[in-house]
Amino acid sequence: MKSYELKSLLTKFFYRSEHLYFQIMIQGENSIELYGEYTDYNEYKETFDILQKNLAENNQLKIISEKFVVSKIPLAKVA
């Protein structure tokens, strides 16, 4: 089980080839990591709700899923 400190959960909705996609991203201290990408809204919503509940109850996120994809996206620094 992996524990991950985060600042917030992020969601991105977008179209690819005329199909709607949903992404769940985890914002950490210095990066944003892609947790998962979904084409099924119900699967996305169920996963997001579980992550959000875990965060609210434990004040941290425990990653148990094999879907976790580490894809570090650098954050823009604002002057």
PDB file of N, CA and C in Angstrom:
ATOM      1  N   MET A   1       0.844  -1.167   0.000  1.00  0.00           N
ATOM      2  CA  MET A   1       0.000   0.000   0.000  1.00  0.00           C
ATOM      3  C   MET A   1       0.892   1.234   0.000  1.00  0.00           C
ATOM      4  N   LYS A   2       0.569   2.192  -0.842  1.00  0.00           N
ATOM      5  CA  LYS A   2       1.344   3.409  -0.949  1.00  0.00           C
ATOM      6  C   LYS A   2       0.550   4.550  -0.338  1.00  0.00           C
ATOM      7  N   SER A   3       1.185   5.359   0.472  1.00  0.00           N
ATOM      8  CA  SER A   3       0.548   6.535   1.054  1.00  0.00           C
ATOM      9  C   SER A   3       1.119   7.758   0.344  1.00  0.00           C
ATOM     10  N   TYR A   4       0.277   8.704   0.007  1.00  0.00           N
ATOM     11  CA  TYR A   4       0.711   9.845  -0.774  1.00  0.00           C
ATOM     12  C   TYR A   4       0.149  11.121  -0.157  1.00  0.00           C
ATOM     13  N   GLU A   5       1.029  12.041   0.239  1.00  0.00           N
ATOM     14  CA  GLU A   5       0.565  13.308   0.774  1.00  0.00           C
ATOM     15  C   GLU A   5       0.146  14.195  -0.392  1.00  0.00           C
ATOM     16  N   LEU A   6      -1.021  14.803  -0.254  1.00  0.00           N
ATOM     17  CA  LEU A   6      -1.480  15.615  -1.356  1.00  0.00           C
ATOM     18  C   LEU A   6      -2.092  16.905  -0.889  1.00  0.00           C
ATOM     19  N   LYS A   7      -2.161  17.843  -1.806  1.00  0.00           N
ATOM     20  CA  LYS A   7      -2.808  19.115  -1.550  1.00  0.00           C
ATOM     21  C   LYS A   7      -4.264  19.043  -1.992  1.00  0.00           C
ATOM     22  N   SER A   8      -4.519  18.375  -3.124  1.00  0.00           N
ATOM     23  CA  SER A   8      -5.901  18.285  -3.594  1.00  0.00           C
ATOM     24  C   SER A   8      -6.057  17.230  -4.683  1.00  0.00           C
ATOM     25  N   LEU A   9      -7.300  16.839  -4.888  1.00  0.00           N
ATOM     26  CA  LEU A   9      -7.667  15.973  -6.006  1.00  0.00           C
ATOM     27  C   LEU A   9      -8.153  16.876  -7.124  1.00  0.00           C
ATOM     28  N   LEU A  10      -7.761  16.576  -8.340  1.00  0.00           N
ATOM     29  CA  LEU A  10      -8.154  17.375  -9.494  1.00  0.00           C
ATOM     30  C   LEU A  10      -8.863  16.493 -10.508  1.00  0.00           C
ATOM     31  N   THR A  11      -9.762  17.089 -11.253  1.00  0.00           N
ATOM     32  CA  THR A  11     -10.476  16.379 -12.301  1.00  0.00           C
ATOM     33  C   THR A  11     -10.329  17.155 -13.604  1.00  0.00           C
ATOM     34  N   LYS A  12     -10.153  16.426 -14.676  1.00  0.00           N
ATOM     35  CA  LYS A  12     -10.061  17.035 -16.001  1.00  0.00           C
ATOM     36  C   LYS A  12     -11.025  16.290 -16.917  1.00  0.00           C
ATOM     37  N   PHE A  13     -11.884  17.031 -17.612  1.00  0.00           N
ATOM     38  CA  PHE A  13     -12.787  16.472 -18.600  1.00  0.00           C
ATOM     39  C   PHE A  13     -12.326  16.968 -19.966  1.00  0.00           C
ATOM     40  N   PHE A  14     -12.272  16.092 -20.949  1.00  0.00           N
ATOM     41  CA  PHE A  14     -11.870  16.525 -22.289  1.00  0.00           C
ATOM     42  C   PHE A  14     -12.399  15.545 -23.330  1.00  0.00           C
ATOM     43  N   TYR A  15     -12.404  16.010 -24.572  1.00  0.00           N
ATOM     44  CA  TYR A  15     -12.818  15.170 -25.689  1.00  0.00           C
ATOM     45  C   TYR A  15     -11.593  14.717 -26.469  1.00  0.00           C
ATOM     46  N   ARG A  16     -11.612  13.461 -26.877  1.00  0.00           N
ATOM     47  CA  ARG A  16     -10.595  12.906 -27.751  1.00  0.00           C
ATOM     48  C   ARG A  16     -11.350  12.077 -28.786  1.00  0.00           C
ATOM     49  N   SER A  17     -11.182  12.425 -30.041  1.00  0.00           N
ATOM     50  CA  SER A  17     -11.888  11.723 -31.127  1.00  0.00           C
ATOM     51  C   SER A  17     -13.391  11.659 -30.859  1.00  0.00           C
ATOM     52  N   GLU A  18     -13.943  12.774 -30.447  1.00  0.00           N
ATOM     53  CA  GLU A  18     -15.376  12.928 -30.198  1.00  0.00           C
ATOM     54  C   GLU A  18     -15.911  12.073 -29.047  1.00  0.00           C
ATOM     55  N   HIS A  19     -15.037  11.547 -28.194  1.00  0.00           N
ATOM     56  CA  HIS A  19     -15.443  10.782 -27.014  1.00  0.00           C
ATOM     57  C   HIS A  19     -15.021  11.554 -25.769  1.00  0.00           C
ATOM     58  N   LEU A  20     -15.896  11.588 -24.772  1.00  0.00           N
ATOM     59  CA  LEU A  20     -15.613  12.290 -23.533  1.00  0.00           C
ATOM     60  C   LEU A  20     -14.760  11.419 -22.612  1.00  0.00           C
ATOM     61  N   TYR A  21     -13.689  12.005 -22.074  1.00  0.00           N
ATOM     62  CA  TYR A  21     -12.784  11.326 -21.150  1.00  0.00           C
ATOM     63  C   TYR A  21     -12.757  12.076 -19.826  1.00  0.00           C
ATOM     64  N   PHE A  22     -12.470  11.339 -18.759  1.00  0.00           N
ATOM     65  CA  PHE A  22     -12.381  11.897 -17.415  1.00  0.00           C
ATOM     66  C   PHE A  22     -11.045  11.474 -16.824  1.00  0.00           C
ATOM     67  N   GLN A  23     -10.319  12.432 -16.257  1.00  0.00           N
ATOM     68  CA  GLN A  23      -9.049  12.115 -15.598  1.00  0.00           C
ATOM     69  C   GLN A  23      -9.133  12.527 -14.137  1.00  0.00           C
ATOM     70  N   ILE A  24      -8.517  11.714 -13.287  1.00  0.00           N
ATOM     71  CA  ILE A  24      -8.336  12.061 -11.881  1.00  0.00           C
ATOM     72  C   ILE A  24      -6.844  12.277 -11.685  1.00  0.00           C
ATOM     73  N   MET A  25      -6.493  13.441 -11.131  1.00  0.00           N
ATOM     74  CA  MET A  25      -5.100  13.770 -10.881  1.00  0.00           C
ATOM     75  C   MET A  25      -4.926  14.117  -9.409  1.00  0.00           C
ATOM     76  N   ILE A  26      -3.730  13.853  -8.906  1.00  0.00           N
ATOM     77  CA  ILE A  26      -3.394  14.116  -7.514  1.00  0.00           C
ATOM     78  C   ILE A  26      -2.331  15.198  -7.491  1.00  0.00           C
ATOM     79  N   GLN A  27      -2.636  16.304  -6.807  1.00  0.00           N
ATOM     80  CA  GLN A  27      -1.670  17.387  -6.707  1.00  0.00           C
ATOM     81  C   GLN A  27      -0.892  17.226  -5.419  1.00  0.00           C
ATOM     82  N   GLY A  28       0.403  16.996  -5.567  1.00  0.00           N
ATOM     83  CA  GLY A  28       1.295  16.882  -4.419  1.00  0.00           C
ATOM     84  C   GLY A  28       1.976  18.206  -4.152  1.00  0.00           C
ATOM     85  N   GLU A  29       3.063  18.165  -3.427  1.00  0.00           N
ATOM     86  CA  GLU A  29       3.779  19.389  -3.079  1.00  0.00           C
ATOM     87  C   GLU A  29       4.385  20.075  -4.299  1.00  0.00           C
ATOM     88  N   ASN A  30       5.012  19.302  -5.202  1.00  0.00           N
ATOM     89  CA  ASN A  30       5.716  19.903  -6.330  1.00  0.00           C
ATOM     90  C   ASN A  30       5.280  19.387  -7.693  1.00  0.00           C
ATOM     91  N   SER A  31       4.273  18.549  -7.728  1.00  0.00           N
ATOM     92  CA  SER A  31       3.882  17.985  -9.015  1.00  0.00           C
ATOM     93  C   SER A  31       2.420  17.552  -8.998  1.00  0.00           C
ATOM     94  N   ILE A  32       1.935  17.245 -10.167  1.00  0.00           N
ATOM     95  CA  ILE A  32       0.612  16.674 -10.328  1.00  0.00           C
ATOM     96  C   ILE A  32       0.807  15.317 -10.987  1.00  0.00           C
ATOM     97  N   GLU A  33       0.222  14.280 -10.390  1.00  0.00           N
ATOM     98  CA  GLU A  33       0.369  12.929 -10.921  1.00  0.00           C
ATOM     99  C   GLU A  33      -0.982  12.421 -11.390  1.00  0.00           C
ATOM    100  N   LEU A  34      -0.982  11.791 -12.544  1.00  0.00           N
ATOM    101  CA  LEU A  34      -2.195  11.211 -13.099  1.00  0.00           C
ATOM    102  C   LEU A  34      -2.524   9.938 -12.346  1.00  0.00           C
ATOM    103  N   TYR A  35      -3.735   9.875 -11.783  1.00  0.00           N
ATOM    104  CA  TYR A  35      -4.169   8.671 -11.072  1.00  0.00           C
ATOM    105  C   TYR A  35      -4.843   7.717 -12.035  1.00  0.00           C
ATOM    106  N   GLY A  36      -5.726   8.231 -12.888  1.00  0.00           N
ATOM    107  CA  GLY A  36      -6.425   7.357 -13.819  1.00  0.00           C
ATOM    108  C   GLY A  36      -7.205   8.147 -14.858  1.00  0.00           C
ATOM    109  N   GLU A  37      -7.469   7.487 -15.964  1.00  0.00           N
ATOM    110  CA  GLU A  37      -8.248   8.074 -17.055  1.00  0.00           C
ATOM    111  C   GLU A  37      -9.405   7.138 -17.359  1.00  0.00           C
ATOM    112  N   TYR A  38     -10.603   7.703 -17.505  1.00  0.00           N
ATOM    113  CA  TYR A  38     -11.817   6.901 -17.642  1.00  0.00           C
ATOM    114  C   TYR A  38     -12.660   7.386 -18.814  1.00  0.00           C
ATOM    115  N   THR A  39     -13.323   6.452 -19.464  1.00  0.00           N
ATOM    116  CA  THR A  39     -14.300   6.787 -20.497  1.00  0.00           C
ATOM    117  C   THR A  39     -15.713   6.596 -19.960  1.00  0.00           C
ATOM    118  N   ASP A  40     -15.825   5.864 -18.866  1.00  0.00           N
ATOM    119  CA  ASP A  40     -17.117   5.599 -18.233  1.00  0.00           C
ATOM    120  C   ASP A  40     -17.291   6.549 -17.047  1.00  0.00           C
ATOM    121  N   TYR A  41     -18.310   7.412 -17.103  1.00  0.00           N
ATOM    122  CA  TYR A  41     -18.518   8.396 -16.040  1.00  0.00           C
ATOM    123  C   TYR A  41     -18.755   7.721 -14.691  1.00  0.00           C
ATOM    124  N   ASN A  42     -19.528   6.658 -14.660  1.00  0.00           N
ATOM    125  CA  ASN A  42     -19.830   5.982 -13.393  1.00  0.00           C
ATOM    126  C   ASN A  42     -18.577   5.424 -12.735  1.00  0.00           C
ATOM    127  N   GLU A  43     -17.678   4.849 -13.524  1.00  0.00           N
ATOM    128  CA  GLU A  43     -16.414   4.327 -12.983  1.00  0.00           C
ATOM    129  C   GLU A  43     -15.561   5.474 -12.442  1.00  0.00           C
ATOM    130  N   TYR A  44     -15.486   6.568 -13.216  1.00  0.00           N
ATOM    131  CA  TYR A  44     -14.734   7.752 -12.775  1.00  0.00           C
ATOM    132  C   TYR A  44     -15.307   8.277 -11.458  1.00  0.00           C
ATOM    133  N   LYS A  45     -16.626   8.466 -11.398  1.00  0.00           N
ATOM    134  CA  LYS A  45     -17.280   9.054 -10.235  1.00  0.00           C
ATOM    135  C   LYS A  45     -17.106   8.174  -8.998  1.00  0.00           C
ATOM    136  N   GLU A  46     -17.248   6.870  -9.158  1.00  0.00           N
ATOM    137  CA  GLU A  46     -17.073   5.940  -8.043  1.00  0.00           C
ATOM    138  C   GLU A  46     -15.651   6.015  -7.491  1.00  0.00           C
ATOM    139  N   THR A  47     -14.669   6.030  -8.384  1.00  0.00           N
ATOM    140  CA  THR A  47     -13.260   6.112  -7.973  1.00  0.00           C
ATOM    141  C   THR A  47     -12.979   7.440  -7.290  1.00  0.00           C
ATOM    142  N   PHE A  48     -13.460   8.531  -7.871  1.00  0.00           N
ATOM    143  CA  PHE A  48     -13.240   9.858  -7.300  1.00  0.00           C
ATOM    144  C   PHE A  48     -13.858   9.954  -5.908  1.00  0.00           C
ATOM    145  N   ASP A  49     -15.071   9.440  -5.743  1.00  0.00           N
ATOM    146  CA  ASP A  49     -15.745   9.477  -4.443  1.00  0.00           C
ATOM    147  C   ASP A  49     -14.980   8.688  -3.387  1.00  0.00           C
ATOM    148  N   ILE A  50     -14.441   7.521  -3.755  1.00  0.00           N
ATOM    149  CA  ILE A  50     -13.648   6.715  -2.826  1.00  0.00           C
ATOM    150  C   ILE A  50     -12.394   7.481  -2.394  1.00  0.00           C
ATOM    151  N   LEU A  51     -11.701   8.089  -3.358  1.00  0.00           N
ATOM    152  CA  LEU A  51     -10.496   8.857  -3.041  1.00  0.00           C
ATOM    153  C   LEU A  51     -10.828  10.047  -2.152  1.00  0.00           C
ATOM    154  N   GLN A  52     -11.909  10.739  -2.467  1.00  0.00           N
ATOM    155  CA  GLN A  52     -12.316  11.912  -1.702  1.00  0.00           C
ATOM    156  C   GLN A  52     -12.700  11.521  -0.267  1.00  0.00           C
ATOM    157  N   LYS A  53     -13.412  10.419  -0.116  1.00  0.00           N
ATOM    158  CA  LYS A  53     -13.804   9.939   1.215  1.00  0.00           C
ATOM    159  C   LYS A  53     -12.567   9.547   2.021  1.00  0.00           C
ATOM    160  N   ASN A  54     -11.627   8.847   1.369  1.00  0.00           N
ATOM    161  CA  ASN A  54     -10.393   8.441   2.036  1.00  0.00           C
ATOM    162  C   ASN A  54      -9.617   9.666   2.506  1.00  0.00           C
ATOM    163  N   LEU A  55      -9.572  10.681   1.681  1.00  0.00           N
ATOM    164  CA  LEU A  55      -8.866  11.913   2.026  1.00  0.00           C
ATOM    165  C   LEU A  55      -9.542  12.606   3.204  1.00  0.00           C
ATOM    166  N   ALA A  56     -10.860  12.683   3.192  1.00  0.00           N
ATOM    167  CA  ALA A  56     -11.596  13.349   4.268  1.00  0.00           C
ATOM    168  C   ALA A  56     -11.442  12.613   5.602  1.00  0.00           C
ATOM    169  N   GLU A  57     -11.460  11.288   5.566  1.00  0.00           N
ATOM    170  CA  GLU A  57     -11.387  10.497   6.794  1.00  0.00           C
ATOM    171  C   GLU A  57      -9.976  10.414   7.362  1.00  0.00           C
ATOM    172  N   ASN A  58      -8.965  10.354   6.517  1.00  0.00           N
ATOM    173  CA  ASN A  58      -7.603  10.100   6.968  1.00  0.00           C
ATOM    174  C   ASN A  58      -6.652  11.280   6.817  1.00  0.00           C
ATOM    175  N   ASN A  59      -7.120  12.342   6.172  1.00  0.00           N
ATOM    176  CA  ASN A  59      -6.296  13.513   5.897  1.00  0.00           C
ATOM    177  C   ASN A  59      -5.048  13.158   5.089  1.00  0.00           C
ATOM    178  N   GLN A  60      -5.105  12.056   4.386  1.00  0.00           N
ATOM    179  CA  GLN A  60      -4.054  11.650   3.455  1.00  0.00           C
ATOM    180  C   GLN A  60      -4.665  10.644   2.489  1.00  0.00           C
ATOM    181  N   LEU A  61      -3.992  10.373   1.437  1.00  0.00           N
ATOM    182  CA  LEU A  61      -4.503   9.454   0.428  1.00  0.00           C
ATOM    183  C   LEU A  61      -3.684   8.187   0.437  1.00  0.00           C
ATOM    184  N   LYS A  62      -4.340   7.058   0.568  1.00  0.00           N
ATOM    185  CA  LYS A  62      -3.661   5.771   0.483  1.00  0.00           C
ATOM    186  C   LYS A  62      -3.987   5.166  -0.876  1.00  0.00           C
ATOM    187  N   ILE A  63      -2.964   4.973  -1.674  1.00  0.00           N
ATOM    188  CA  ILE A  63      -3.140   4.416  -3.008  1.00  0.00           C
ATOM    189  C   ILE A  63      -3.067   2.903  -2.899  1.00  0.00           C
ATOM    190  N   ILE A  64      -4.145   2.234  -3.290  1.00  0.00           N
ATOM    191  CA  ILE A  64      -4.199   0.782  -3.223  1.00  0.00           C
ATOM    192  C   ILE A  64      -4.345   0.202  -4.630  1.00  0.00           C
ATOM    193  N   SER A  65      -4.804   1.002  -5.546  1.00  0.00           N
ATOM    194  CA  SER A  65      -5.097   0.537  -6.900  1.00  0.00           C
ATOM    195  C   SER A  65      -3.837   0.388  -7.742  1.00  0.00           C
ATOM    196  N   GLU A  66      -3.845  -0.590  -8.644  1.00  0.00           N
ATOM    197  CA  GLU A  66      -2.741  -0.739  -9.589  1.00  0.00           C
ATOM    198  C   GLU A  66      -2.883   0.257 -10.737  1.00  0.00           C
ATOM    199  N   LYS A  67      -3.987   0.991 -10.772  1.00  0.00           N
ATOM    200  CA  LYS A  67      -4.208   1.973 -11.836  1.00  0.00           C
ATOM    201  C   LYS A  67      -3.327   3.198 -11.684  1.00  0.00           C
ATOM    202  N   PHE A  68      -2.718   3.379 -10.518  1.00  0.00           N
ATOM    203  CA  PHE A  68      -1.935   4.584 -10.283  1.00  0.00           C
ATOM    204  C   PHE A  68      -0.799   4.678 -11.282  1.00  0.00           C
ATOM    205  N   VAL A  69      -0.818   5.729 -12.065  1.00  0.00           N
ATOM    206  CA  VAL A  69       0.193   5.952 -13.093  1.00  0.00           C
ATOM    207  C   VAL A  69       0.995   7.180 -12.687  1.00  0.00           C
ATOM    208  N   VAL A  70       2.274   7.011 -12.486  1.00  0.00           N
ATOM    209  CA  VAL A  70       3.100   8.152 -12.125  1.00  0.00           C
ATOM    210  C   VAL A  70       3.444   8.908 -13.400  1.00  0.00           C
ATOM    211  N   SER A  71       2.933  10.100 -13.496  1.00  0.00           N
ATOM    212  CA  SER A  71       3.171  10.965 -14.645  1.00  0.00           C
ATOM    213  C   SER A  71       3.342  12.366 -14.087  1.00  0.00           C
ATOM    214  N   LYS A  72       4.560  12.716 -13.719  1.00  0.00           N
ATOM    215  CA  LYS A  72       4.790  13.993 -13.062  1.00  0.00           C
ATOM    216  C   LYS A  72       4.641  15.135 -14.048  1.00  0.00           C
ATOM    217  N   ILE A  73       3.791  16.078 -13.686  1.00  0.00           N
ATOM    218  CA  ILE A  73       3.560  17.273 -14.485  1.00  0.00           C
ATOM    219  C   ILE A  73       4.050  18.442 -13.628  1.00  0.00           C
ATOM    220  N   PRO A  74       5.091  19.151 -14.044  1.00  0.00           N
ATOM    221  CA  PRO A  74       5.606  20.245 -13.208  1.00  0.00           C
ATOM    222  C   PRO A  74       4.563  21.340 -13.049  1.00  0.00           C
ATOM    223  N   LEU A  75       4.533  21.943 -11.867  1.00  0.00           N
ATOM    224  CA  LEU A  75       3.604  23.031 -11.603  1.00  0.00           C
ATOM    225  C   LEU A  75       4.234  24.343 -12.035  1.00  0.00           C
ATOM    226  N   ALA A  76       3.414  25.213 -12.573  1.00  0.00           N
ATOM    227  CA  ALA A  76       3.905  26.537 -12.959  1.00  0.00           C
ATOM    228  C   ALA A  76       4.079  27.377 -11.708  1.00  0.00           C
ATOM    229  N   LYS A  77       5.164  28.092 -11.628  1.00  0.00           N
ATOM    230  CA  LYS A  77       5.408  28.980 -10.480  1.00  0.00           C
ATOM    231  C   LYS A  77       4.918  30.358 -10.837  1.00  0.00           C
ATOM    232  N   VAL A  78       4.178  30.948  -9.926  1.00  0.00           N
ATOM    233  CA  VAL A  78       3.641  32.288 -10.134  1.00  0.00           C
ATOM    234  C   VAL A  78       4.485  33.262  -9.346  1.00  0.00           C
ATOM    235  N   ALA A  79       4.932  34.331 -10.024  1.00  0.00           N
ATOM    236  CA  ALA A  79       5.790  35.309  -9.360  1.00  0.00           C
ATOM    237  C   ALA A  79       4.990  36.247  -8.517  1.00  0.00           C
TER     238      ALA A  79
END
